[in-house]
Amino acid sequence: MRPKGRPPPEHKFRAGERVTLGGRVTNRDAAGGGYVVTKQLPERNGEYEYRIKNISEPHERVARESDLTRE
């Protein structure tokens, strides 16, 4: 088991992988449906982050690894 506040040894998702964004309150304005991981980002506050893109939105979003699941 890893110490609290430290990210796992590697990212869970890869660029190009399809994911679903969780429905947290802060994501309520996010488009529904799937997203594609466009870039792996470094860890922040003990958790990896990712740039993700939905085809129906003109912009990318940043999401924490815990907010994403594989489609």
C-alpha atoms as a PDB file:
ATOM      1  CA  MET A   1       0.000   0.000   0.000  1.00  0.00           C
ATOM      2  CA  ARG A   2       1.367   3.413  -0.938  1.00  0.00           C
ATOM      3  CA  PRO A   3       1.660   6.260   1.580  1.00  0.00           C
ATOM      4  CA  LYS A   4      -1.244   8.709   1.596  1.00  0.00           C
ATOM      5  CA  GLY A   5      -0.737  11.735  -0.644  1.00  0.00           C
ATOM      6  CA  ARG A   6       1.593   9.945  -3.083  1.00  0.00           C
ATOM      7  CA  PRO A   7       0.402   9.076  -6.585  1.00  0.00           C
ATOM      8  CA  PRO A   8       0.509   5.522  -7.903  1.00  0.00           C
ATOM      9  CA  PRO A   9       3.747   4.675  -9.745  1.00  0.00           C
ATOM     10  CA  GLU A  10       2.223   5.356 -13.160  1.00  0.00           C
ATOM     11  CA  HIS A  11      -0.803   6.919 -14.846  1.00  0.00           C
ATOM     12  CA  LYS A  12      -3.944   4.776 -15.059  1.00  0.00           C
ATOM     13  CA  PHE A  13      -5.037   6.207 -18.453  1.00  0.00           C
ATOM     14  CA  ARG A  14      -3.130   6.781 -21.698  1.00  0.00           C
ATOM     15  CA  ALA A  15      -3.519   9.466 -24.371  1.00  0.00           C
ATOM     16  CA  GLY A  16      -6.179   8.400 -26.862  1.00  0.00           C
ATOM     17  CA  GLU A  17      -8.104   6.310 -24.341  1.00  0.00           C
ATOM     18  CA  ARG A  18     -11.871   6.857 -23.991  1.00  0.00           C
ATOM     19  CA  VAL A  19     -13.080   7.735 -20.500  1.00  0.00           C
ATOM     20  CA  THR A  20     -16.201   8.899 -18.680  1.00  0.00           C
ATOM     21  CA  LEU A  21     -16.117  11.925 -16.394  1.00  0.00           C
ATOM     22  CA  GLY A  22     -17.731  11.439 -12.969  1.00  0.00           C
ATOM     23  CA  GLY A  23     -20.745  13.541 -11.997  1.00  0.00           C
ATOM     24  CA  ARG A  24     -19.285  15.589  -9.158  1.00  0.00           C
ATOM     25  CA  VAL A  25     -20.924  18.944  -8.408  1.00  0.00           C
ATOM     26  CA  THR A  26     -17.938  20.816  -9.866  1.00  0.00           C
ATOM     27  CA  ASN A  27     -18.424  18.952 -13.172  1.00  0.00           C
ATOM     28  CA  ARG A  28     -22.148  19.684 -13.543  1.00  0.00           C
ATOM     29  CA  ASP A  29     -21.500  21.944 -16.560  1.00  0.00           C
ATOM     30  CA  ALA A  30     -19.480  19.243 -18.310  1.00  0.00           C
ATOM     31  CA  ALA A  31     -20.891  17.731 -21.484  1.00  0.00           C
ATOM     32  CA  GLY A  32     -22.411  14.298 -21.144  1.00  0.00           C
ATOM     33  CA  GLY A  33     -21.008  11.248 -22.847  1.00  0.00           C
ATOM     34  CA  GLY A  34     -17.459  10.119 -23.297  1.00  0.00           C
ATOM     35  CA  TYR A  35     -14.199  11.982 -23.398  1.00  0.00           C
ATOM     36  CA  VAL A  36     -10.827  11.191 -24.899  1.00  0.00           C
ATOM     37  CA  VAL A  37      -7.622  11.627 -22.903  1.00  0.00           C
ATOM     38  CA  THR A  38      -5.477  14.079 -24.865  1.00  0.00           C
ATOM     39  CA  LYS A  39      -2.554  14.363 -22.458  1.00  0.00           C
ATOM     40  CA  GLN A  40      -1.235  12.922 -19.211  1.00  0.00           C
ATOM     41  CA  LEU A  41      -0.353  15.622 -16.685  1.00  0.00           C
ATOM     42  CA  PRO A  42       1.943  15.450 -13.640  1.00  0.00           C
ATOM     43  CA  GLU A  43       0.531  14.650 -10.221  1.00  0.00           C
ATOM     44  CA  ARG A  44      -1.031  17.414  -8.187  1.00  0.00           C
ATOM     45  CA  ASN A  45      -1.878  17.050  -4.509  1.00  0.00           C
ATOM     46  CA  GLY A  46      -0.992  13.372  -4.641  1.00  0.00           C
ATOM     47  CA  GLU A  47      -3.089  12.490  -7.700  1.00  0.00           C
ATOM     48  CA  TYR A  48      -2.430  12.410 -11.441  1.00  0.00           C
ATOM     49  CA  GLU A  49      -4.409  14.720 -13.726  1.00  0.00           C
ATOM     50  CA  TYR A  50      -5.324  14.509 -17.413  1.00  0.00           C
ATOM     51  CA  ARG A  51      -6.409  16.787 -20.237  1.00  0.00           C
ATOM     52  CA  ILE A  52      -9.633  15.406 -21.693  1.00  0.00           C
ATOM     53  CA  LYS A  53     -11.764  16.438 -24.688  1.00  0.00           C
ATOM     54  CA  ASN A  54     -15.413  15.841 -25.563  1.00  0.00           C
ATOM     55  CA  ILE A  55     -16.275  16.127 -29.257  1.00  0.00           C
ATOM     56  CA  SER A  56     -19.247  18.402 -28.476  1.00  0.00           C
ATOM     57  CA  GLU A  57     -17.132  20.976 -26.600  1.00  0.00           C
ATOM     58  CA  PRO A  58     -14.663  23.397 -28.221  1.00  0.00           C
ATOM     59  CA  HIS A  59     -12.240  23.238 -25.280  1.00  0.00           C
ATOM     60  CA  GLU A  60     -10.353  20.671 -23.226  1.00  0.00           C
ATOM     61  CA  ARG A  61     -10.836  20.070 -19.523  1.00  0.00           C
ATOM     62  CA  VAL A  62      -8.462  18.995 -16.773  1.00  0.00           C
ATOM     63  CA  ALA A  63      -9.684  16.079 -14.657  1.00  0.00           C
ATOM     64  CA  ARG A  64      -8.259  14.181 -11.714  1.00  0.00           C
ATOM     65  CA  GLU A  65      -7.635  10.477 -12.129  1.00  0.00           C
ATOM     66  CA  SER A  66     -10.257   9.645  -9.459  1.00  0.00           C
ATOM     67  CA  ASP A  67     -12.927  11.465 -11.514  1.00  0.00           C
ATOM     68  CA  LEU A  68     -12.401   9.250 -14.582  1.00  0.00           C
ATOM     69  CA  THR A  69     -13.457   5.715 -15.461  1.00  0.00           C
ATOM     70  CA  ARG A  70     -12.814   3.665 -18.594  1.00  0.00           C
ATOM     71  CA  GLU A  71     -15.660   3.550 -21.103  1.00  0.00           C
END
